[in-house]
């Protein structure tokens, strides 16, 4: 029973701050995903879907505090075709 209380406190301890953090990340991630998709030469919807899926996986799997999915940025820059 103690384990259940610990898990509940970890997941539901500060819902207001977690929801606010989610909105802030979403507001920053949307234009960034569109911009890097355009750099990579793919449809911006692909970037939006990819960033959404990454954010959902990290939220379920339990990412570290302050983690930012940098792989999307580096992948889009390296896959951009010059010229």
N, C-alpha and C. Protein backbone atom coordinates (compact mmCIF):
# COMPACT_ATOMS: atom_id res chain seq x y z
N UNK A 1 0.82 -1.20 0.00
CA UNK A 1 0.00 0.00 0.00
C UNK A 1 0.86 1.26 0.00
N UNK A 2 2.00 1.18 0.67
CA UNK A 2 2.90 2.33 0.71
C UNK A 2 3.42 2.67 -0.68
N UNK A 3 3.68 1.64 -1.47
CA UNK A 3 4.16 1.83 -2.85
C UNK A 3 3.12 2.56 -3.68
N UNK A 4 1.84 2.21 -3.51
CA UNK A 4 0.76 2.86 -4.25
C UNK A 4 0.66 4.34 -3.88
N UNK A 5 0.81 4.65 -2.62
CA UNK A 5 0.78 6.06 -2.19
C UNK A 5 1.96 6.84 -2.76
N UNK A 6 3.11 6.19 -2.84
CA UNK A 6 4.29 6.85 -3.40
C UNK A 6 4.09 7.14 -4.88
N UNK A 7 3.57 6.16 -5.61
CA UNK A 7 3.31 6.34 -7.05
C UNK A 7 2.26 7.42 -7.26
N UNK A 8 1.21 7.40 -6.47
CA UNK A 8 0.16 8.42 -6.58
C UNK A 8 0.72 9.81 -6.32
N UNK A 9 1.58 9.95 -5.31
CA UNK A 9 2.18 11.25 -5.00
C UNK A 9 3.10 11.70 -6.13
N UNK A 10 3.86 10.77 -6.71
CA UNK A 10 4.76 11.12 -7.81
C UNK A 10 3.99 11.58 -9.04
N UNK A 11 2.90 10.91 -9.38
CA UNK A 11 2.16 11.22 -10.60
C UNK A 11 1.17 12.36 -10.40
N UNK A 12 0.58 12.49 -9.24
CA UNK A 12 -0.48 13.48 -9.02
C UNK A 12 -0.11 14.52 -7.98
N UNK A 13 1.16 14.65 -7.67
CA UNK A 13 1.59 15.55 -6.62
C UNK A 13 1.39 17.02 -6.93
N UNK A 14 1.61 17.40 -8.20
CA UNK A 14 1.52 18.80 -8.56
C UNK A 14 0.92 18.91 -9.96
N UNK A 15 -0.36 18.60 -10.08
CA UNK A 15 -1.03 18.56 -11.37
C UNK A 15 -1.04 19.93 -12.05
N UNK A 16 -1.27 20.98 -11.29
CA UNK A 16 -1.36 22.33 -11.87
C UNK A 16 -0.04 22.71 -12.55
N UNK A 17 1.07 22.48 -11.88
CA UNK A 17 2.37 22.80 -12.47
C UNK A 17 2.67 21.92 -13.68
N UNK A 18 2.27 20.66 -13.64
CA UNK A 18 2.50 19.76 -14.76
C UNK A 18 1.69 20.18 -15.99
N UNK A 19 0.45 20.59 -15.79
CA UNK A 19 -0.38 21.04 -16.91
C UNK A 19 0.17 22.34 -17.49
N UNK A 20 0.59 23.25 -16.64
CA UNK A 20 1.18 24.51 -17.12
C UNK A 20 2.46 24.23 -17.90
N UNK A 21 3.28 23.33 -17.41
CA UNK A 21 4.51 22.97 -18.12
C UNK A 21 4.19 22.35 -19.47
N UNK A 22 3.16 21.55 -19.55
CA UNK A 22 2.75 20.96 -20.82
C UNK A 22 2.32 21.99 -21.83
N UNK A 23 1.58 23.01 -21.39
CA UNK A 23 1.17 24.08 -22.30
C UNK A 23 2.36 24.89 -22.78
N UNK A 24 3.29 25.17 -21.91
CA UNK A 24 4.47 25.94 -22.30
C UNK A 24 5.30 25.17 -23.33
N UNK A 25 5.48 23.89 -23.09
CA UNK A 25 6.24 23.07 -24.05
C UNK A 25 5.52 23.01 -25.38
N UNK A 26 4.20 22.85 -25.36
CA UNK A 26 3.44 22.79 -26.60
C UNK A 26 3.56 24.10 -27.38
N UNK A 27 3.49 25.23 -26.68
CA UNK A 27 3.61 26.52 -27.37
C UNK A 27 4.99 26.72 -27.99
N UNK A 28 6.01 26.19 -27.36
CA UNK A 28 7.36 26.32 -27.91
C UNK A 28 7.62 25.28 -28.98
N UNK A 29 7.02 24.11 -28.86
CA UNK A 29 7.32 23.01 -29.77
C UNK A 29 6.64 23.15 -31.13
N UNK A 30 5.48 23.76 -31.19
CA UNK A 30 4.75 23.86 -32.45
C UNK A 30 5.52 24.66 -33.50
N UNK A 31 5.92 25.90 -33.23
CA UNK A 31 6.67 26.63 -34.28
C UNK A 31 8.04 26.02 -34.56
N UNK A 32 8.65 25.42 -33.55
CA UNK A 32 9.95 24.79 -33.74
C UNK A 32 9.83 23.57 -34.65
N UNK A 33 8.81 22.75 -34.44
CA UNK A 33 8.61 21.57 -35.28
C UNK A 33 8.32 21.97 -36.72
N UNK A 34 7.53 23.02 -36.91
CA UNK A 34 7.23 23.49 -38.26
C UNK A 34 8.49 24.01 -38.94
N UNK A 35 9.27 24.80 -38.23
CA UNK A 35 10.48 25.38 -38.81
C UNK A 35 11.50 24.31 -39.19
N UNK A 36 11.75 23.37 -38.32
CA UNK A 36 12.73 22.33 -38.64
C UNK A 36 12.21 21.37 -39.70
N UNK A 37 10.90 21.20 -39.81
CA UNK A 37 10.35 20.39 -40.90
C UNK A 37 10.59 21.07 -42.24
N UNK A 38 10.41 22.38 -42.27
CA UNK A 38 10.68 23.11 -43.50
C UNK A 38 12.15 23.07 -43.87
N UNK A 39 13.03 23.13 -42.88
CA UNK A 39 14.47 23.01 -43.13
C UNK A 39 14.78 21.65 -43.73
N UNK A 40 14.14 20.61 -43.22
CA UNK A 40 14.39 19.25 -43.71
C UNK A 40 13.72 18.99 -45.05
N UNK A 41 12.82 19.87 -45.45
CA UNK A 41 12.15 19.70 -46.73
C UNK A 41 10.99 18.72 -46.70
N UNK A 42 10.39 18.53 -45.53
CA UNK A 42 9.23 17.64 -45.42
C UNK A 42 8.00 18.47 -45.06
N UNK A 43 6.85 17.86 -45.19
CA UNK A 43 5.60 18.53 -44.85
C UNK A 43 5.60 18.90 -43.36
N UNK A 44 5.21 20.12 -43.01
CA UNK A 44 5.19 20.50 -41.59
C UNK A 44 4.32 19.61 -40.71
N UNK A 45 3.29 18.99 -41.28
CA UNK A 45 2.46 18.09 -40.49
C UNK A 45 3.25 16.88 -40.02
N UNK A 46 4.23 16.45 -40.81
CA UNK A 46 5.08 15.33 -40.40
C UNK A 46 5.85 15.71 -39.14
N UNK A 47 6.39 16.90 -39.12
CA UNK A 47 7.12 17.37 -37.95
C UNK A 47 6.24 17.52 -36.73
N UNK A 48 5.01 18.01 -36.95
CA UNK A 48 4.08 18.16 -35.82
C UNK A 48 3.68 16.80 -35.25
N UNK A 49 3.38 15.85 -36.12
CA UNK A 49 3.03 14.51 -35.64
C UNK A 49 4.21 13.86 -34.93
N UNK A 50 5.41 14.00 -35.50
CA UNK A 50 6.59 13.38 -34.89
C UNK A 50 6.87 13.98 -33.52
N UNK A 51 6.80 15.30 -33.39
CA UNK A 51 7.07 15.92 -32.10
C UNK A 51 5.99 15.58 -31.07
N UNK A 52 4.74 15.44 -31.53
CA UNK A 52 3.67 15.06 -30.62
C UNK A 52 3.89 13.64 -30.09
N UNK A 53 4.26 12.73 -30.99
CA UNK A 53 4.48 11.35 -30.58
C UNK A 53 5.66 11.26 -29.62
N UNK A 54 6.73 11.99 -29.89
CA UNK A 54 7.88 11.99 -28.99
C UNK A 54 7.48 12.52 -27.62
N UNK A 55 6.72 13.60 -27.60
CA UNK A 55 6.30 14.18 -26.31
C UNK A 55 5.40 13.22 -25.53
N UNK A 56 4.52 12.49 -26.23
CA UNK A 56 3.65 11.54 -25.54
C UNK A 56 4.44 10.36 -24.99
N UNK A 57 5.39 9.86 -25.75
CA UNK A 57 6.20 8.74 -25.28
C UNK A 57 7.02 9.15 -24.06
N UNK A 58 7.60 10.34 -24.11
CA UNK A 58 8.39 10.82 -22.98
C UNK A 58 7.52 11.03 -21.75
N UNK A 59 6.31 11.55 -21.94
CA UNK A 59 5.44 11.79 -20.78
C UNK A 59 4.99 10.48 -20.15
N UNK A 60 4.77 9.45 -20.96
CA UNK A 60 4.35 8.16 -20.41
C UNK A 60 5.53 7.41 -19.81
N UNK A 61 6.67 7.44 -20.51
CA UNK A 61 7.84 6.70 -20.05
C UNK A 61 8.54 7.39 -18.88
N UNK A 62 8.26 8.66 -18.68
CA UNK A 62 8.85 9.36 -17.55
C UNK A 62 10.22 9.92 -17.86
N UNK A 63 10.27 10.97 -18.61
CA UNK A 63 11.53 11.61 -18.94
C UNK A 63 12.11 12.35 -17.76
N UNK A 64 13.31 12.85 -17.93
CA UNK A 64 13.97 13.61 -16.87
C UNK A 64 13.44 15.04 -16.84
N UNK A 65 13.49 15.71 -15.69
CA UNK A 65 13.07 17.12 -15.62
C UNK A 65 13.96 17.98 -16.51
N UNK A 66 13.36 18.84 -17.26
CA UNK A 66 14.12 19.73 -18.13
C UNK A 66 14.59 19.08 -19.41
N UNK A 67 14.06 17.89 -19.72
CA UNK A 67 14.48 17.18 -20.93
C UNK A 67 13.82 17.80 -22.15
N UNK A 68 14.59 17.96 -23.20
CA UNK A 68 14.06 18.45 -24.46
C UNK A 68 14.43 17.48 -25.55
N UNK A 69 13.49 17.05 -26.37
CA UNK A 69 13.80 16.08 -27.42
C UNK A 69 14.64 16.70 -28.53
N UNK A 70 15.93 16.73 -28.33
CA UNK A 70 16.83 17.36 -29.28
C UNK A 70 17.05 16.53 -30.54
N UNK A 71 16.68 15.26 -30.51
CA UNK A 71 16.92 14.42 -31.68
C UNK A 71 16.13 14.90 -32.88
N UNK A 72 14.98 15.50 -32.66
CA UNK A 72 14.18 16.01 -33.78
C UNK A 72 14.94 17.12 -34.49
N UNK A 73 15.56 18.00 -33.73
CA UNK A 73 16.28 19.12 -34.33
C UNK A 73 17.48 18.63 -35.13
N UNK A 74 18.30 17.79 -34.51
CA UNK A 74 19.51 17.37 -35.18
C UNK A 74 19.19 16.51 -36.40
N UNK A 75 18.14 15.70 -36.31
CA UNK A 75 17.77 14.86 -37.43
C UNK A 75 17.29 15.72 -38.61
N UNK A 76 16.50 16.75 -38.33
CA UNK A 76 15.99 17.57 -39.41
C UNK A 76 17.09 18.39 -40.07
N UNK A 77 18.06 18.83 -39.28
CA UNK A 77 19.16 19.61 -39.87
C UNK A 77 20.07 18.72 -40.70
N UNK A 78 20.35 17.51 -40.23
CA UNK A 78 21.25 16.64 -40.98
C UNK A 78 20.58 16.05 -42.21
N UNK A 79 19.26 15.97 -42.24
CA UNK A 79 18.60 15.40 -43.40
C UNK A 79 18.20 16.46 -44.41
N UNK A 80 18.48 17.72 -44.13
CA UNK A 80 18.15 18.79 -45.08
C UNK A 80 19.07 18.70 -46.28
N UNK A 81 18.49 18.89 -47.44
CA UNK A 81 19.31 18.82 -48.66
C UNK A 81 19.84 20.22 -48.99
N UNK A 82 21.13 20.34 -49.26
CA UNK A 82 21.69 21.66 -49.58
C UNK A 82 21.21 22.10 -50.96
N UNK A 83 21.02 23.41 -51.04
CA UNK A 83 20.67 24.00 -52.33
C UNK A 83 19.28 23.88 -52.61
